[in-house]
Amino acid sequence: MPAKTGASHALSAFVSLIVGTVLSKYVWTYTPPLAEAGAVAGRHLSGLIGTPIAPETTGGLVVVLLLSFVWGVIYHLARHDAEN
């Protein structure tokens, strides 16, 4: 069982990183207000963790965190629905 769970988490991290980077570039190019909102959220996140992060990186980080959260929720729902 741990191998199955670990593989899912590894895959989610990899997919989130790749898709987050692509989406971040898309958002910065085509929807600057949304990109700026992500950068503002990233600056707040940067302040919380105490590490300075470049504005372009903070937007991508917010997208990756959001994707990881959504992936986790879907995984949890799918796993617990399968048990019922």
PDB file of N, CA and C in Angstrom:
ATOM      1  N   MET A   1       0.802  -1.204   0.000  1.00  0.00           N
ATOM      2  CA  MET A   1       0.000   0.000   0.000  1.00  0.00           C
ATOM      3  C   MET A   1       0.851   1.279   0.000  1.00  0.00           C
ATOM      4  N   PRO A   2       1.946   1.375   0.775  1.00  0.00           N
ATOM      5  CA  PRO A   2       2.719   2.614   0.747  1.00  0.00           C
ATOM      6  C   PRO A   2       3.278   2.937  -0.634  1.00  0.00           C
ATOM      7  N   ALA A   3       3.649   1.917  -1.405  1.00  0.00           N
ATOM      8  CA  ALA A   3       4.178   2.187  -2.750  1.00  0.00           C
ATOM      9  C   ALA A   3       3.121   2.842  -3.622  1.00  0.00           C
ATOM     10  N   LYS A   4       1.888   2.399  -3.502  1.00  0.00           N
ATOM     11  CA  LYS A   4       0.805   2.967  -4.291  1.00  0.00           C
ATOM     12  C   LYS A   4       0.559   4.426  -3.898  1.00  0.00           C
ATOM     13  N   THR A   5       0.528   4.715  -2.602  1.00  0.00           N
ATOM     14  CA  THR A   5       0.297   6.075  -2.119  1.00  0.00           C
ATOM     15  C   THR A   5       1.479   6.972  -2.459  1.00  0.00           C
ATOM     16  N   GLY A   6       2.697   6.460  -2.296  1.00  0.00           N
ATOM     17  CA  GLY A   6       3.883   7.246  -2.603  1.00  0.00           C
ATOM     18  C   GLY A   6       3.968   7.605  -4.070  1.00  0.00           C
ATOM     19  N   ALA A   7       3.611   6.675  -4.926  1.00  0.00           N
ATOM     20  CA  ALA A   7       3.643   6.937  -6.364  1.00  0.00           C
ATOM     21  C   ALA A   7       2.646   8.028  -6.734  1.00  0.00           C
ATOM     22  N   SER A   8       1.488   8.006  -6.112  1.00  0.00           N
ATOM     23  CA  SER A   8       0.489   9.034  -6.383  1.00  0.00           C
ATOM     24  C   SER A   8       0.996  10.408  -5.962  1.00  0.00           C
ATOM     25  N   HIS A   9       1.622  10.483  -4.804  1.00  0.00           N
ATOM     26  CA  HIS A   9       2.139  11.766  -4.328  1.00  0.00           C
ATOM     27  C   HIS A   9       3.298  12.249  -5.199  1.00  0.00           C
ATOM     28  N   ALA A  10       4.155  11.339  -5.610  1.00  0.00           N
ATOM     29  CA  ALA A  10       5.268  11.716  -6.482  1.00  0.00           C
ATOM     30  C   ALA A  10       4.744  12.218  -7.822  1.00  0.00           C
ATOM     31  N   LEU A  11       3.761  11.518  -8.381  1.00  0.00           N
ATOM     32  CA  LEU A  11       3.172  11.931  -9.648  1.00  0.00           C
ATOM     33  C   LEU A  11       2.492  13.289  -9.509  1.00  0.00           C
ATOM     34  N   SER A  12       1.771  13.496  -8.416  1.00  0.00           N
ATOM     35  CA  SER A  12       1.091  14.777  -8.229  1.00  0.00           C
ATOM     36  C   SER A  12       2.092  15.915  -8.110  1.00  0.00           C
ATOM     37  N   ALA A  13       3.203  15.696  -7.425  1.00  0.00           N
ATOM     38  CA  ALA A  13       4.230  16.733  -7.304  1.00  0.00           C
ATOM     39  C   ALA A  13       4.824  17.065  -8.666  1.00  0.00           C
ATOM     40  N   PHE A  14       5.135  16.041  -9.451  1.00  0.00           N
ATOM     41  CA  PHE A  14       5.720  16.251 -10.770  1.00  0.00           C
ATOM     42  C   PHE A  14       4.739  16.965 -11.703  1.00  0.00           C
ATOM     43  N   VAL A  15       3.506  16.483 -11.759  1.00  0.00           N
ATOM     44  CA  VAL A  15       2.496  17.091 -12.629  1.00  0.00           C
ATOM     45  C   VAL A  15       2.222  18.528 -12.198  1.00  0.00           C
ATOM     46  N   SER A  16       2.119  18.769 -10.898  1.00  0.00           N
ATOM     47  CA  SER A  16       1.873  20.123 -10.408  1.00  0.00           C
ATOM     48  C   SER A  16       3.003  21.062 -10.798  1.00  0.00           C
ATOM     49  N   LEU A  17       4.233  20.585 -10.711  1.00  0.00           N
ATOM     50  CA  LEU A  17       5.378  21.411 -11.076  1.00  0.00           C
ATOM     51  C   LEU A  17       5.352  21.773 -12.555  1.00  0.00           C
ATOM     52  N   ILE A  18       5.138  20.783 -13.402  1.00  0.00           N
ATOM     53  CA  ILE A  18       5.131  21.030 -14.855  1.00  0.00           C
ATOM     54  C   ILE A  18       3.930  21.884 -15.260  1.00  0.00           C
ATOM     55  N   VAL A  19       2.746  21.484 -14.849  1.00  0.00           N
ATOM     56  CA  VAL A  19       1.536  22.220 -15.229  1.00  0.00           C
ATOM     57  C   VAL A  19       1.544  23.614 -14.603  1.00  0.00           C
ATOM     58  N   GLY A  20       2.025  23.718 -13.360  1.00  0.00           N
ATOM     59  CA  GLY A  20       2.103  25.024 -12.702  1.00  0.00           C
ATOM     60  C   GLY A  20       3.009  25.983 -13.441  1.00  0.00           C
ATOM     61  N   THR A  21       4.142  25.487 -13.927  1.00  0.00           N
ATOM     62  CA  THR A  21       5.058  26.334 -14.688  1.00  0.00           C
ATOM     63  C   THR A  21       4.429  26.795 -15.996  1.00  0.00           C
ATOM     64  N   VAL A  22       3.796  25.875 -16.700  1.00  0.00           N
ATOM     65  CA  VAL A  22       3.139  26.219 -17.967  1.00  0.00           C
ATOM     66  C   VAL A  22       1.993  27.199 -17.730  1.00  0.00           C
ATOM     67  N   LEU A  23       1.158  26.920 -16.743  1.00  0.00           N
ATOM     68  CA  LEU A  23       0.035  27.817 -16.450  1.00  0.00           C
ATOM     69  C   LEU A  23       0.516  29.186 -15.989  1.00  0.00           C
ATOM     70  N   SER A  24       1.579  29.212 -15.214  1.00  0.00           N
ATOM     71  CA  SER A  24       2.107  30.486 -14.739  1.00  0.00           C
ATOM     72  C   SER A  24       2.554  31.360 -15.914  1.00  0.00           C
ATOM     73  N   LYS A  25       3.262  30.768 -16.866  1.00  0.00           N
ATOM     74  CA  LYS A  25       3.690  31.522 -18.053  1.00  0.00           C
ATOM     75  C   LYS A  25       2.473  31.999 -18.853  1.00  0.00           C
ATOM     76  N   TYR A  26       1.470  31.148 -18.986  1.00  0.00           N
ATOM     77  CA  TYR A  26       0.243  31.512 -19.699  1.00  0.00           C
ATOM     78  C   TYR A  26      -0.478  32.661 -18.994  1.00  0.00           C
ATOM     79  N   VAL A  27      -0.596  32.543 -17.666  1.00  0.00           N
ATOM     80  CA  VAL A  27      -1.290  33.573 -16.883  1.00  0.00           C
ATOM     81  C   VAL A  27      -0.549  34.904 -16.971  1.00  0.00           C
ATOM     82  N   TRP A  28       0.783  34.883 -16.849  1.00  0.00           N
ATOM     83  CA  TRP A  28       1.556  36.128 -16.938  1.00  0.00           C
ATOM     84  C   TRP A  28       1.416  36.770 -18.316  1.00  0.00           C
ATOM     85  N   THR A  29       1.289  35.957 -19.355  1.00  0.00           N
ATOM     86  CA  THR A  29       1.210  36.487 -20.720  1.00  0.00           C
ATOM     87  C   THR A  29      -0.176  37.021 -21.053  1.00  0.00           C
ATOM     88  N   TYR A  30      -1.223  36.261 -20.723  1.00  0.00           N
ATOM     89  CA  TYR A  30      -2.562  36.590 -21.197  1.00  0.00           C
ATOM     90  C   TYR A  30      -3.487  37.223 -20.173  1.00  0.00           C
ATOM     91  N   THR A  31      -3.230  37.080 -18.909  1.00  0.00           N
ATOM     92  CA  THR A  31      -4.102  37.670 -17.886  1.00  0.00           C
ATOM     93  C   THR A  31      -3.268  38.329 -16.790  1.00  0.00           C
ATOM     94  N   PRO A  32      -2.652  39.476 -17.116  1.00  0.00           N
ATOM     95  CA  PRO A  32      -1.795  40.147 -16.135  1.00  0.00           C
ATOM     96  C   PRO A  32      -2.473  40.457 -14.793  1.00  0.00           C
ATOM     97  N   PRO A  33      -3.771  40.846 -14.755  1.00  0.00           N
ATOM     98  CA  PRO A  33      -4.370  41.094 -13.435  1.00  0.00           C
ATOM     99  C   PRO A  33      -4.395  39.837 -12.551  1.00  0.00           C
ATOM    100  N   LEU A  34      -4.679  38.694 -13.156  1.00  0.00           N
ATOM    101  CA  LEU A  34      -4.674  37.449 -12.398  1.00  0.00           C
ATOM    102  C   LEU A  34      -3.255  37.101 -11.962  1.00  0.00           C
ATOM    103  N   ALA A  35      -2.285  37.377 -12.823  1.00  0.00           N
ATOM    104  CA  ALA A  35      -0.887  37.142 -12.484  1.00  0.00           C
ATOM    105  C   ALA A  35      -0.475  38.024 -11.316  1.00  0.00           C
ATOM    106  N   GLU A  36      -0.909  39.263 -11.325  1.00  0.00           N
ATOM    107  CA  GLU A  36      -0.569  40.169 -10.226  1.00  0.00           C
ATOM    108  C   GLU A  36      -1.230  39.721  -8.929  1.00  0.00           C
ATOM    109  N   ALA A  37      -2.452  39.203  -9.013  1.00  0.00           N
ATOM    110  CA  ALA A  37      -3.111  38.668  -7.813  1.00  0.00           C
ATOM    111  C   ALA A  37      -2.321  37.490  -7.253  1.00  0.00           C
ATOM    112  N   GLY A  38      -1.818  36.632  -8.133  1.00  0.00           N
ATOM    113  CA  GLY A  38      -0.977  35.523  -7.698  1.00  0.00           C
ATOM    114  C   GLY A  38       0.320  36.006  -7.082  1.00  0.00           C
ATOM    115  N   ALA A  39       0.894  37.064  -7.654  1.00  0.00           N
ATOM    116  CA  ALA A  39       2.129  37.625  -7.108  1.00  0.00           C
ATOM    117  C   ALA A  39       1.890  38.230  -5.731  1.00  0.00           C
ATOM    118  N   VAL A  40       0.745  38.889  -5.548  1.00  0.00           N
ATOM    119  CA  VAL A  40       0.413  39.455  -4.229  1.00  0.00           C
ATOM    120  C   VAL A  40       0.260  38.328  -3.206  1.00  0.00           C
ATOM    121  N   ALA A  41      -0.461  37.279  -3.582  1.00  0.00           N
ATOM    122  CA  ALA A  41      -0.601  36.127  -2.678  1.00  0.00           C
ATOM    123  C   ALA A  41       0.756  35.507  -2.392  1.00  0.00           C
ATOM    124  N   GLY A  42       1.601  35.452  -3.411  1.00  0.00           N
ATOM    125  CA  GLY A  42       2.944  34.911  -3.233  1.00  0.00           C
ATOM    126  C   GLY A  42       3.791  35.768  -2.308  1.00  0.00           C
ATOM    127  N   ARG A  43       3.650  37.081  -2.406  1.00  0.00           N
ATOM    128  CA  ARG A  43       4.401  37.966  -1.501  1.00  0.00           C
ATOM    129  C   ARG A  43       3.968  37.750  -0.061  1.00  0.00           C
ATOM    130  N   HIS A  44       2.666  37.568   0.149  1.00  0.00           N
ATOM    131  CA  HIS A  44       2.184  37.278   1.509  1.00  0.00           C
ATOM    132  C   HIS A  44       2.724  35.938   1.990  1.00  0.00           C
ATOM    133  N   LEU A  45       2.722  34.959   1.107  1.00  0.00           N
ATOM    134  CA  LEU A  45       3.268  33.645   1.438  1.00  0.00           C
ATOM    135  C   LEU A  45       4.765  33.754   1.725  1.00  0.00           C
ATOM    136  N   SER A  46       5.464  34.542   0.932  1.00  0.00           N
ATOM    137  CA  SER A  46       6.897  34.753   1.133  1.00  0.00           C
ATOM    138  C   SER A  46       7.153  35.396   2.493  1.00  0.00           C
ATOM    139  N   GLY A  47       6.303  36.335   2.873  1.00  0.00           N
ATOM    140  CA  GLY A  47       6.440  36.968   4.181  1.00  0.00           C
ATOM    141  C   GLY A  47       6.194  35.995   5.318  1.00  0.00           C
ATOM    142  N   LEU A  48       5.261  35.073   5.111  1.00  0.00           N
ATOM    143  CA  LEU A  48       4.964  34.077   6.146  1.00  0.00           C
ATOM    144  C   LEU A  48       6.114  33.110   6.364  1.00  0.00           C
ATOM    145  N   ILE A  49       6.750  32.686   5.266  1.00  0.00           N
ATOM    146  CA  ILE A  49       7.837  31.725   5.417  1.00  0.00           C
ATOM    147  C   ILE A  49       9.177  32.409   5.629  1.00  0.00           C
ATOM    148  N   GLY A  50       9.240  33.719   5.405  1.00  0.00           N
ATOM    149  CA  GLY A  50      10.440  34.485   5.687  1.00  0.00           C
ATOM    150  C   GLY A  50      11.545  34.356   4.664  1.00  0.00           C
ATOM    151  N   THR A  51      11.215  33.959   3.433  1.00  0.00           N
ATOM    152  CA  THR A  51      12.216  33.819   2.381  1.00  0.00           C
ATOM    153  C   THR A  51      11.834  34.710   1.208  1.00  0.00           C
ATOM    154  N   PRO A  52      12.747  35.568   0.752  1.00  0.00           N
ATOM    155  CA  PRO A  52      12.414  36.402  -0.414  1.00  0.00           C
ATOM    156  C   PRO A  52      12.332  35.553  -1.684  1.00  0.00           C
ATOM    157  N   ILE A  53      11.277  35.797  -2.460  1.00  0.00           N
ATOM    158  CA  ILE A  53      11.053  35.040  -3.697  1.00  0.00           C
ATOM    159  C   ILE A  53      10.755  36.047  -4.802  1.00  0.00           C
ATOM    160  N   ALA A  54      11.291  35.810  -6.010  1.00  0.00           N
ATOM    161  CA  ALA A  54      11.055  36.693  -7.159  1.00  0.00           C
ATOM    162  C   ALA A  54       9.573  36.714  -7.512  1.00  0.00           C
ATOM    163  N   PRO A  55       9.066  37.854  -7.993  1.00  0.00           N
ATOM    164  CA  PRO A  55       7.633  37.954  -8.339  1.00  0.00           C
ATOM    165  C   PRO A  55       7.165  36.907  -9.348  1.00  0.00           C
ATOM    166  N   GLU A  56       7.991  36.583 -10.344  1.00  0.00           N
ATOM    167  CA  GLU A  56       7.596  35.583 -11.328  1.00  0.00           C
ATOM    168  C   GLU A  56       7.481  34.202 -10.684  1.00  0.00           C
ATOM    169  N   THR A  57       8.328  33.948  -9.711  1.00  0.00           N
ATOM    170  CA  THR A  57       8.316  32.662  -9.026  1.00  0.00           C
ATOM    171  C   THR A  57       7.118  32.551  -8.091  1.00  0.00           C
ATOM    172  N   THR A  58       6.743  33.655  -7.460  1.00  0.00           N
ATOM    173  CA  THR A  58       5.621  33.585  -6.519  1.00  0.00           C
ATOM    174  C   THR A  58       4.323  33.240  -7.222  1.00  0.00           C
ATOM    175  N   GLY A  59       4.110  33.775  -8.418  1.00  0.00           N
ATOM    176  CA  GLY A  59       2.902  33.437  -9.172  1.00  0.00           C
ATOM    177  C   GLY A  59       2.857  31.952  -9.498  1.00  0.00           C
ATOM    178  N   GLY A  60       3.979  31.412  -9.949  1.00  0.00           N
ATOM    179  CA  GLY A  60       4.054  29.978 -10.233  1.00  0.00           C
ATOM    180  C   GLY A  60       3.865  29.146  -8.988  1.00  0.00           C
ATOM    181  N   LEU A  61       4.424  29.610  -7.878  1.00  0.00           N
ATOM    182  CA  LEU A  61       4.282  28.896  -6.617  1.00  0.00           C
ATOM    183  C   LEU A  61       2.825  28.829  -6.171  1.00  0.00           C
ATOM    184  N   VAL A  62       2.115  29.923  -6.331  1.00  0.00           N
ATOM    185  CA  VAL A  62       0.686  29.942  -5.973  1.00  0.00           C
ATOM    186  C   VAL A  62      -0.087  28.955  -6.841  1.00  0.00           C
ATOM    187  N   VAL A  63       0.215  28.919  -8.139  1.00  0.00           N
ATOM    188  CA  VAL A  63      -0.469  27.986  -9.045  1.00  0.00           C
ATOM    189  C   VAL A  63      -0.157  26.541  -8.661  1.00  0.00           C
ATOM    190  N   VAL A  64       1.118  26.250  -8.371  1.00  0.00           N
ATOM    191  CA  VAL A  64       1.512  24.889  -7.982  1.00  0.00           C
ATOM    192  C   VAL A  64       0.832  24.486  -6.684  1.00  0.00           C
ATOM    193  N   LEU A  65       0.779  25.384  -5.706  1.00  0.00           N
ATOM    194  CA  LEU A  65       0.109  25.064  -4.441  1.00  0.00           C
ATOM    195  C   LEU A  65      -1.380  24.808  -4.649  1.00  0.00           C
ATOM    196  N   LEU A  66      -2.007  25.613  -5.479  1.00  0.00           N
ATOM    197  CA  LEU A  66      -3.426  25.419  -5.767  1.00  0.00           C
ATOM    198  C   LEU A  66      -3.666  24.085  -6.469  1.00  0.00           C
ATOM    199  N   LEU A  67      -2.833  23.759  -7.456  1.00  0.00           N
ATOM    200  CA  LEU A  67      -2.975  22.475  -8.146  1.00  0.00           C
ATOM    201  C   LEU A  67      -2.754  21.297  -7.206  1.00  0.00           C
ATOM    202  N   SER A  68      -1.762  21.413  -6.330  1.00  0.00           N
ATOM    203  CA  SER A  68      -1.494  20.338  -5.370  1.00  0.00           C
ATOM    204  C   SER A  68      -2.676  20.140  -4.429  1.00  0.00           C
ATOM    205  N   PHE A  69      -3.278  21.240  -3.997  1.00  0.00           N
ATOM    206  CA  PHE A  69      -4.435  21.148  -3.110  1.00  0.00           C
ATOM    207  C   PHE A  69      -5.608  20.472  -3.822  1.00  0.00           C
ATOM    208  N   VAL A  70      -5.887  20.897  -5.047  1.00  0.00           N
ATOM    209  CA  VAL A  70      -6.997  20.307  -5.815  1.00  0.00           C
ATOM    210  C   VAL A  70      -6.736  18.826  -6.060  1.00  0.00           C
ATOM    211  N   TRP A  71      -5.496  18.479  -6.416  1.00  0.00           N
ATOM    212  CA  TRP A  71      -5.133  17.079  -6.635  1.00  0.00           C
ATOM    213  C   TRP A  71      -5.393  16.274  -5.364  1.00  0.00           C
ATOM    214  N   GLY A  72      -4.988  16.798  -4.217  1.00  0.00           N
ATOM    215  CA  GLY A  72      -5.182  16.102  -2.945  1.00  0.00           C
ATOM    216  C   GLY A  72      -6.647  15.885  -2.625  1.00  0.00           C
ATOM    217  N   VAL A  73      -7.468  16.886  -2.873  1.00  0.00           N
ATOM    218  CA  VAL A  73      -8.908  16.763  -2.607  1.00  0.00           C
ATOM    219  C   VAL A  73      -9.522  15.700  -3.524  1.00  0.00           C
ATOM    220  N   ILE A  74      -9.179  15.748  -4.809  1.00  0.00           N
ATOM    221  CA  ILE A  74      -9.720  14.751  -5.747  1.00  0.00           C
ATOM    222  C   ILE A  74      -9.251  13.350  -5.372  1.00  0.00           C
ATOM    223  N   TYR A  75      -7.981  13.222  -5.025  1.00  0.00           N
ATOM    224  CA  TYR A  75      -7.438  11.921  -4.616  1.00  0.00           C
ATOM    225  C   TYR A  75      -8.167  11.402  -3.376  1.00  0.00           C
ATOM    226  N   HIS A  76      -8.379  12.272  -2.412  1.00  0.00           N
ATOM    227  CA  HIS A  76      -9.052  11.872  -1.174  1.00  0.00           C
ATOM    228  C   HIS A  76     -10.479  11.423  -1.466  1.00  0.00           C
ATOM    229  N   LEU A  77     -11.199  12.201  -2.262  1.00  0.00           N
ATOM    230  CA  LEU A  77     -12.580  11.845  -2.587  1.00  0.00           C
ATOM    231  C   LEU A  77     -12.652  10.544  -3.374  1.00  0.00           C
ATOM    232  N   ALA A  78     -11.752  10.385  -4.331  1.00  0.00           N
ATOM    233  CA  ALA A  78     -11.756   9.152  -5.132  1.00  0.00           C
ATOM    234  C   ALA A  78     -11.410   7.943  -4.280  1.00  0.00           C
ATOM    235  N   ARG A  79     -10.460   8.099  -3.382  1.00  0.00           N
ATOM    236  CA  ARG A  79     -10.043   6.975  -2.545  1.00  0.00           C
ATOM    237  C   ARG A  79     -11.130   6.569  -1.555  1.00  0.00           C
ATOM    238  N   HIS A  80     -11.780   7.553  -0.942  1.00  0.00           N
ATOM    239  CA  HIS A  80     -12.804   7.240   0.047  1.00  0.00           C
ATOM    240  C   HIS A  80     -14.124   6.828  -0.607  1.00  0.00           C
ATOM    241  N   ASP A  81     -14.399   7.285  -1.800  1.00  0.00           N
ATOM    242  CA  ASP A  81     -15.580   6.822  -2.521  1.00  0.00           C
ATOM    243  C   ASP A  81     -15.391   5.375  -2.958  1.00  0.00           C
ATOM    244  N   ALA A  82     -14.157   4.986  -3.275  1.00  0.00           N
ATOM    245  CA  ALA A  82     -13.869   3.613  -3.698  1.00  0.00           C
ATOM    246  C   ALA A  82     -14.045   2.637  -2.538  1.00  0.00           C
ATOM    247  N   GLU A  83     -13.829   3.093  -1.311  1.00  0.00           N
ATOM    248  CA  GLU A  83     -13.973   2.228  -0.143  1.00  0.00           C
ATOM    249  C   GLU A  83     -15.432   1.966   0.184  1.00  0.00           C
ATOM    250  N   ASN A  84     -16.325   2.844  -0.218  1.00  0.00           N
ATOM    251  CA  ASN A  84     -17.755   2.696   0.116  1.00  0.00           C
ATOM    252  C   ASN A  84     -18.466   1.793  -0.824  1.00  0.00           C
TER     253      ASN A  84
END
